[in-house]
Amino acid sequence: MWDFGGVILSSPFEAFNRYETEKGLPLNIIRSVNATNPDSNAWALLERNDISPAQFDAQFADESEALGHRIPGADVLALLSGDVRPAMVAALDHVIASGFRTACLTNNVVSTSPDPSPRQIEVAAIMGKFDHVVESSKVGCRKPEPRFYEIACELLDVSPTECVFLDDLGINLKPAAAMGMRTIKVGAPEIALQELSGHIGLTF
């Protein structure tokens, strides 16, 4: 089981930090907003598709203003596109070719773009490699809610103890580990792939 942003793609946190530096904002203020009331804030509501991007724009601005710095939510959404990590895509291909079942577990938002961009086409092609894709905006729950992982296991017809889960956020890995999954916190891709190799016996 693979997270997408921060695993297959580079982390959006890098883009957040660049934006904060350019705007003279405290470093990691965007992450602080997202970590405040994490189950009911604008970010959580958008990822569950409970509010529109326009509503998110206003609500995130209000939430960030409460922490001392008003940041338009639209600016944050524009920072979400990371770069594809070729080593991770190659590893995914190797895992699939070796007969493992795969799922992508992603907290995402509904795209409002009328026509897919070249990047969206590239992302869709990678998503198409997985046996199943579990998207928060479609299933109505999100990581780290346990139900999200249960849905993935049901789709793959596996028990949690049969799974390895890669994500870049510890908060998302904790419930997976509690369910019995082996977890890998992804920072540098090469280190994560060494850990994956130890779990499933493939060489990357």
C-alpha atoms as a PDB file:
ATOM      1  CA  MET A   1       0.000   0.000   0.000  1.00  0.00           C
ATOM      2  CA  TRP A   2       1.442   3.301  -1.123  1.00  0.00           C
ATOM      3  CA  ASP A   3       0.658   6.893  -0.261  1.00  0.00           C
ATOM      4  CA  PHE A   4       0.931   9.156  -3.314  1.00  0.00           C
ATOM      5  CA  GLY A   5       2.005  12.689  -2.379  1.00  0.00           C
ATOM      6  CA  GLY A   6       5.244  12.451  -0.409  1.00  0.00           C
ATOM      7  CA  VAL A   7       5.912   8.884  -1.602  1.00  0.00           C
ATOM      8  CA  ILE A   8       5.366   8.535  -5.356  1.00  0.00           C
ATOM      9  CA  LEU A   9       5.562  12.339  -5.601  1.00  0.00           C
ATOM     10  CA  SER A  10       7.921  14.618  -3.714  1.00  0.00           C
ATOM     11  CA  SER A  11       6.473  16.090  -0.540  1.00  0.00           C
ATOM     12  CA  PRO A  12       4.277  19.212  -0.785  1.00  0.00           C
ATOM     13  CA  PHE A  13       5.880  20.346   2.471  1.00  0.00           C
ATOM     14  CA  GLU A  14       8.887  21.483   0.434  1.00  0.00           C
ATOM     15  CA  ALA A  15       6.614  23.760  -1.601  1.00  0.00           C
ATOM     16  CA  PHE A  16       4.915  24.978   1.585  1.00  0.00           C
ATOM     17  CA  ASN A  17       8.282  26.027   2.997  1.00  0.00           C
ATOM     18  CA  ARG A  18       9.274  27.847  -0.208  1.00  0.00           C
ATOM     19  CA  TYR A  19       5.976  29.770  -0.138  1.00  0.00           C
ATOM     20  CA  GLU A  20       6.428  30.659   3.531  1.00  0.00           C
ATOM     21  CA  THR A  21       9.927  31.962   2.887  1.00  0.00           C
ATOM     22  CA  GLU A  22       8.824  33.998  -0.121  1.00  0.00           C
ATOM     23  CA  LYS A  23       5.915  35.544   1.832  1.00  0.00           C
ATOM     24  CA  GLY A  24       7.919  36.200   5.002  1.00  0.00           C
ATOM     25  CA  LEU A  25       5.753  33.800   7.003  1.00  0.00           C
ATOM     26  CA  PRO A  26       6.914  31.644   9.920  1.00  0.00           C
ATOM     27  CA  LEU A  27       8.324  28.363   8.677  1.00  0.00           C
ATOM     28  CA  ASN A  28       5.799  25.496   8.844  1.00  0.00           C
ATOM     29  CA  ILE A  29       2.833  27.814   9.553  1.00  0.00           C
ATOM     30  CA  ILE A  30       0.798  26.013   6.860  1.00  0.00           C
ATOM     31  CA  ARG A  31       1.440  22.656   8.528  1.00  0.00           C
ATOM     32  CA  SER A  32       0.483  24.209  11.861  1.00  0.00           C
ATOM     33  CA  VAL A  33      -2.881  25.280  10.439  1.00  0.00           C
ATOM     34  CA  ASN A  34      -3.451  21.768   9.083  1.00  0.00           C
ATOM     35  CA  ALA A  35      -2.529  20.239  12.445  1.00  0.00           C
ATOM     36  CA  THR A  36      -4.999  22.382  14.414  1.00  0.00           C
ATOM     37  CA  ASN A  37      -8.311  20.537  14.863  1.00  0.00           C
ATOM     38  CA  PRO A  38      -7.036  17.961  12.328  1.00  0.00           C
ATOM     39  CA  ASP A  39     -10.283  15.993  12.100  1.00  0.00           C
ATOM     40  CA  SER A  40     -12.595  18.942  11.478  1.00  0.00           C
ATOM     41  CA  ASN A  41     -10.523  21.764   9.975  1.00  0.00           C
ATOM     42  CA  ALA A  42     -10.756  23.057   6.406  1.00  0.00           C
ATOM     43  CA  TRP A  43      -8.127  20.603   5.195  1.00  0.00           C
ATOM     44  CA  ALA A  44      -9.968  17.587   6.610  1.00  0.00           C
ATOM     45  CA  LEU A  45     -13.307  18.777   5.258  1.00  0.00           C
ATOM     46  CA  LEU A  46     -11.885  19.308   1.762  1.00  0.00           C
ATOM     47  CA  GLU A  47     -10.197  15.905   1.682  1.00  0.00           C
ATOM     48  CA  ARG A  48     -13.506  14.265   2.600  1.00  0.00           C
ATOM     49  CA  ASN A  49     -15.192  16.389  -0.101  1.00  0.00           C
ATOM     50  CA  ASP A  50     -17.431  18.003   2.540  1.00  0.00           C
ATOM     51  CA  ILE A  51     -16.648  21.539   1.308  1.00  0.00           C
ATOM     52  CA  SER A  52     -15.807  23.051  -2.077  1.00  0.00           C
ATOM     53  CA  PRO A  53     -12.407  24.532  -2.986  1.00  0.00           C
ATOM     54  CA  ALA A  54     -14.003  28.003  -2.777  1.00  0.00           C
ATOM     55  CA  GLN A  55     -15.212  27.292   0.762  1.00  0.00           C
ATOM     56  CA  PHE A  56     -11.787  25.909   1.620  1.00  0.00           C
ATOM     57  CA  ASP A  57     -10.165  29.115   0.362  1.00  0.00           C
ATOM     58  CA  ALA A  58     -12.131  31.196   2.867  1.00  0.00           C
ATOM     59  CA  GLN A  59     -12.101  28.755   5.772  1.00  0.00           C
ATOM     60  CA  PHE A  60      -8.355  28.110   5.589  1.00  0.00           C
ATOM     61  CA  ALA A  61      -7.747  31.857   5.507  1.00  0.00           C
ATOM     62  CA  ASP A  62      -9.829  32.245   8.677  1.00  0.00           C
ATOM     63  CA  GLU A  63      -8.054  29.371  10.398  1.00  0.00           C
ATOM     64  CA  SER A  64      -4.604  30.666   9.510  1.00  0.00           C
ATOM     65  CA  GLU A  65      -5.595  34.184  10.600  1.00  0.00           C
ATOM     66  CA  ALA A  66      -6.521  32.727  13.999  1.00  0.00           C
ATOM     67  CA  LEU A  67      -2.869  31.637  14.247  1.00  0.00           C
ATOM     68  CA  GLY A  68      -1.683  35.125  13.346  1.00  0.00           C
ATOM     69  CA  HIS A  69      -1.176  35.028   9.569  1.00  0.00           C
ATOM     70  CA  ARG A  70      -3.975  35.105   6.978  1.00  0.00           C
ATOM     71  CA  ILE A  71      -3.152  32.722   4.115  1.00  0.00           C
ATOM     72  CA  PRO A  72      -5.633  32.164   1.256  1.00  0.00           C
ATOM     73  CA  GLY A  73      -6.570  28.526   0.914  1.00  0.00           C
ATOM     74  CA  ALA A  74      -6.318  28.839  -2.860  1.00  0.00           C
ATOM     75  CA  ASP A  75      -2.603  29.596  -2.475  1.00  0.00           C
ATOM     76  CA  VAL A  76      -2.148  26.384  -0.506  1.00  0.00           C
ATOM     77  CA  LEU A  77      -3.981  24.263  -3.088  1.00  0.00           C
ATOM     78  CA  ALA A  78      -1.694  25.646  -5.787  1.00  0.00           C
ATOM     79  CA  LEU A  79       1.306  24.263  -3.881  1.00  0.00           C
ATOM     80  CA  LEU A  80       0.166  20.644  -3.774  1.00  0.00           C
ATOM     81  CA  SER A  81       1.674  19.363  -7.010  1.00  0.00           C
ATOM     82  CA  GLY A  82       4.919  17.539  -6.257  1.00  0.00           C
ATOM     83  CA  ASP A  83       7.407  16.062  -8.707  1.00  0.00           C
ATOM     84  CA  VAL A  84       7.219  12.417  -9.752  1.00  0.00           C
ATOM     85  CA  ARG A  85       9.986  10.329  -8.168  1.00  0.00           C
ATOM     86  CA  PRO A  86      11.196   7.966 -10.937  1.00  0.00           C
ATOM     87  CA  ALA A  87      12.816   5.575  -8.430  1.00  0.00           C
ATOM     88  CA  MET A  88       9.499   5.092  -6.658  1.00  0.00           C
ATOM     89  CA  VAL A  89       7.606   4.500  -9.902  1.00  0.00           C
ATOM     90  CA  ALA A  90      10.245   1.959 -10.964  1.00  0.00           C
ATOM     91  CA  ALA A  91       9.920   0.247  -7.570  1.00  0.00           C
ATOM     92  CA  LEU A  92       6.143   0.131  -7.928  1.00  0.00           C
ATOM     93  CA  ASP A  93       6.529  -1.462 -11.366  1.00  0.00           C
ATOM     94  CA  HIS A  94       8.919  -4.077  -9.914  1.00  0.00           C
ATOM     95  CA  VAL A  95       6.536  -4.869  -7.061  1.00  0.00           C
ATOM     96  CA  ILE A  96       3.623  -5.311  -9.492  1.00  0.00           C
ATOM     97  CA  ALA A  97       5.682  -7.428 -11.911  1.00  0.00           C
ATOM     98  CA  SER A  98       6.665  -9.664  -8.977  1.00  0.00           C
ATOM     99  CA  GLY A  99       3.016 -10.517  -8.351  1.00  0.00           C
ATOM    100  CA  PHE A 100       2.180  -8.392  -5.312  1.00  0.00           C
ATOM    101  CA  ARG A 101      -1.240  -6.780  -5.103  1.00  0.00           C
ATOM    102  CA  THR A 102      -1.075  -3.012  -4.718  1.00  0.00           C
ATOM    103  CA  ALA A 103      -3.245  -0.137  -3.585  1.00  0.00           C
ATOM    104  CA  CYS A 104      -2.747   3.605  -3.459  1.00  0.00           C
ATOM    105  CA  LEU A 105      -4.089   5.226  -0.281  1.00  0.00           C
ATOM    106  CA  THR A 106      -4.338   8.953  -0.864  1.00  0.00           C
ATOM    107  CA  ASN A 107      -5.870  11.896   0.924  1.00  0.00           C
ATOM    108  CA  ASN A 108      -6.833  14.096  -2.003  1.00  0.00           C
ATOM    109  CA  VAL A 109      -9.235  16.744  -3.216  1.00  0.00           C
ATOM    110  CA  VAL A 110     -11.619  16.748  -6.165  1.00  0.00           C
ATOM    111  CA  SER A 111     -10.079  18.305  -9.253  1.00  0.00           C
ATOM    112  CA  THR A 112     -11.958  21.333 -10.583  1.00  0.00           C
ATOM    113  CA  SER A 113      -9.923  21.576 -13.771  1.00  0.00           C
ATOM    114  CA  PRO A 114     -12.156  21.098 -16.874  1.00  0.00           C
ATOM    115  CA  ASP A 115      -9.378  19.596 -19.002  1.00  0.00           C
ATOM    116  CA  PRO A 116      -6.566  17.420 -17.657  1.00  0.00           C
ATOM    117  CA  SER A 117      -3.124  19.014 -17.730  1.00  0.00           C
ATOM    118  CA  PRO A 118      -0.074  17.035 -18.925  1.00  0.00           C
ATOM    119  CA  ARG A 119       0.838  16.544 -15.279  1.00  0.00           C
ATOM    120  CA  GLN A 120      -2.632  15.230 -14.415  1.00  0.00           C
ATOM    121  CA  ILE A 121      -2.349  12.796 -17.316  1.00  0.00           C
ATOM    122  CA  GLU A 122       1.039  11.628 -15.968  1.00  0.00           C
ATOM    123  CA  VAL A 123      -0.397  11.173 -12.470  1.00  0.00           C
ATOM    124  CA  ALA A 124      -3.428   9.292 -13.835  1.00  0.00           C
ATOM    125  CA  ALA A 125      -1.117   6.926 -15.704  1.00  0.00           C
ATOM    126  CA  ILE A 126       0.719   6.100 -12.462  1.00  0.00           C
ATOM    127  CA  MET A 127      -2.558   5.712 -10.572  1.00  0.00           C
ATOM    128  CA  GLY A 128      -3.659   3.273 -13.249  1.00  0.00           C
ATOM    129  CA  LYS A 129      -0.859   0.881 -12.296  1.00  0.00           C
ATOM    130  CA  PHE A 130      -2.413   0.067  -8.902  1.00  0.00           C
ATOM    131  CA  ASP A 131      -4.959  -2.705  -8.423  1.00  0.00           C
ATOM    132  CA  HIS A 132      -7.024  -0.276  -6.352  1.00  0.00           C
ATOM    133  CA  VAL A 133      -6.943   3.444  -5.516  1.00  0.00           C
ATOM    134  CA  VAL A 134      -8.579   4.610  -2.292  1.00  0.00           C
ATOM    135  CA  GLU A 135      -9.228   8.356  -2.453  1.00  0.00           C
ATOM    136  CA  SER A 136     -10.455  10.318   0.559  1.00  0.00           C
ATOM    137  CA  SER A 137     -12.513  12.610  -1.666  1.00  0.00           C
ATOM    138  CA  LYS A 138     -14.475   9.593  -2.951  1.00  0.00           C
ATOM    139  CA  VAL A 139     -14.831   7.306   0.070  1.00  0.00           C
ATOM    140  CA  GLY A 140     -15.777  10.021   2.568  1.00  0.00           C
ATOM    141  CA  CYS A 141     -13.076   9.293   5.120  1.00  0.00           C
ATOM    142  CA  ARG A 142      -9.336   9.938   5.212  1.00  0.00           C
ATOM    143  CA  LYS A 143      -6.068   8.870   6.748  1.00  0.00           C
ATOM    144  CA  PRO A 144      -5.570   8.508   9.710  1.00  0.00           C
ATOM    145  CA  GLU A 145      -9.169   7.316  10.228  1.00  0.00           C
ATOM    146  CA  PRO A 146      -9.042   3.508  10.684  1.00  0.00           C
ATOM    147  CA  ARG A 147     -11.962   2.991   8.293  1.00  0.00           C
ATOM    148  CA  PHE A 148      -9.803   4.259   5.430  1.00  0.00           C
ATOM    149  CA  TYR A 149      -7.318   1.400   5.910  1.00  0.00           C
ATOM    150  CA  GLU A 150     -10.129  -1.110   6.372  1.00  0.00           C
ATOM    151  CA  ILE A 151     -11.531  -0.123   2.963  1.00  0.00           C
ATOM    152  CA  ALA A 152      -8.136  -0.735   1.362  1.00  0.00           C
ATOM    153  CA  CYS A 153      -7.833  -4.168   2.957  1.00  0.00           C
ATOM    154  CA  GLU A 154     -11.346  -5.096   1.858  1.00  0.00           C
ATOM    155  CA  LEU A 155     -10.630  -4.075  -1.727  1.00  0.00           C
ATOM    156  CA  LEU A 156      -7.417  -6.107  -1.799  1.00  0.00           C
ATOM    157  CA  ASP A 157      -9.021  -8.998   0.130  1.00  0.00           C
ATOM    158  CA  VAL A 158      -6.157  -9.120   2.629  1.00  0.00           C
ATOM    159  CA  SER A 159      -5.726  -8.823   6.370  1.00  0.00           C
ATOM    160  CA  PRO A 160      -3.695  -5.893   7.766  1.00  0.00           C
ATOM    161  CA  THR A 161      -0.940  -8.281   8.866  1.00  0.00           C
ATOM    162  CA  GLU A 162      -0.315  -9.149   5.207  1.00  0.00           C
ATOM    163  CA  CYS A 163       0.315  -5.507   4.278  1.00  0.00           C
ATOM    164  CA  VAL A 164       3.253  -3.144   4.011  1.00  0.00           C
ATOM    165  CA  PHE A 165       2.272   0.531   3.990  1.00  0.00           C
ATOM    166  CA  LEU A 166       4.490   3.414   2.837  1.00  0.00           C
ATOM    167  CA  ASP A 167       3.603   6.981   3.860  1.00  0.00           C
ATOM    168  CA  ASP A 168       5.586  10.124   4.611  1.00  0.00           C
ATOM    169  CA  LEU A 169       3.586  11.064   7.712  1.00  0.00           C
ATOM    170  CA  GLY A 170       3.900   9.322  11.055  1.00  0.00           C
ATOM    171  CA  ILE A 171       0.330  10.264  11.983  1.00  0.00           C
ATOM    172  CA  ASN A 172      -0.900   8.202   9.017  1.00  0.00           C
ATOM    173  CA  LEU A 173       1.348   5.245   9.830  1.00  0.00           C
ATOM    174  CA  LYS A 174       0.324   4.883  13.487  1.00  0.00           C
ATOM    175  CA  PRO A 175      -3.183   3.464  12.933  1.00  0.00           C
ATOM    176  CA  ALA A 176      -1.887   1.195  10.180  1.00  0.00           C
ATOM    177  CA  ALA A 177       0.761  -0.208  12.540  1.00  0.00           C
ATOM    178  CA  ALA A 178      -1.846  -0.596  15.281  1.00  0.00           C
ATOM    179  CA  MET A 179      -3.895  -2.730  12.886  1.00  0.00           C
ATOM    180  CA  GLY A 180      -0.889  -4.985  12.283  1.00  0.00           C
ATOM    181  CA  MET A 181       0.575  -3.544   9.077  1.00  0.00           C
ATOM    182  CA  ARG A 182       4.308  -3.216   8.604  1.00  0.00           C
ATOM    183  CA  THR A 183       4.949   0.484   8.017  1.00  0.00           C
ATOM    184  CA  ILE A 184       7.657   2.518   6.327  1.00  0.00           C
ATOM    185  CA  LYS A 185       8.033   6.254   6.893  1.00  0.00           C
ATOM    186  CA  VAL A 186       9.237   7.674   3.597  1.00  0.00           C
ATOM    187  CA  GLY A 187      11.825  10.423   3.601  1.00  0.00           C
ATOM    188  CA  ALA A 188      14.684   9.724   1.208  1.00  0.00           C
ATOM    189  CA  PRO A 189      13.377   7.266  -1.416  1.00  0.00           C
ATOM    190  CA  GLU A 190      16.509   5.118  -1.388  1.00  0.00           C
ATOM    191  CA  ILE A 191      16.252   4.496   2.361  1.00  0.00           C
ATOM    192  CA  ALA A 192      12.534   3.688   2.131  1.00  0.00           C
ATOM    193  CA  LEU A 193      13.204   1.216  -0.669  1.00  0.00           C
ATOM    194  CA  GLN A 194      15.895  -0.507   1.399  1.00  0.00           C
ATOM    195  CA  GLU A 195      13.283  -0.993   4.132  1.00  0.00           C
ATOM    196  CA  LEU A 196      10.755  -2.264   1.604  1.00  0.00           C
ATOM    197  CA  SER A 197      13.311  -4.712   0.291  1.00  0.00           C
ATOM    198  CA  GLY A 198      13.732  -6.085   3.805  1.00  0.00           C
ATOM    199  CA  HIS A 199       9.990  -6.652   4.128  1.00  0.00           C
ATOM    200  CA  ILE A 200       9.209  -8.280   0.779  1.00  0.00           C
ATOM    201  CA  GLY A 201      12.553  -9.678  -0.412  1.00  0.00           C
ATOM    202  CA  LEU A 202      12.884  -7.706  -3.653  1.00  0.00           C
ATOM    203  CA  THR A 203      15.965  -5.768  -4.705  1.00  0.00           C
ATOM    204  CA  PHE A 204      15.451  -2.172  -5.869  1.00  0.00           C
END
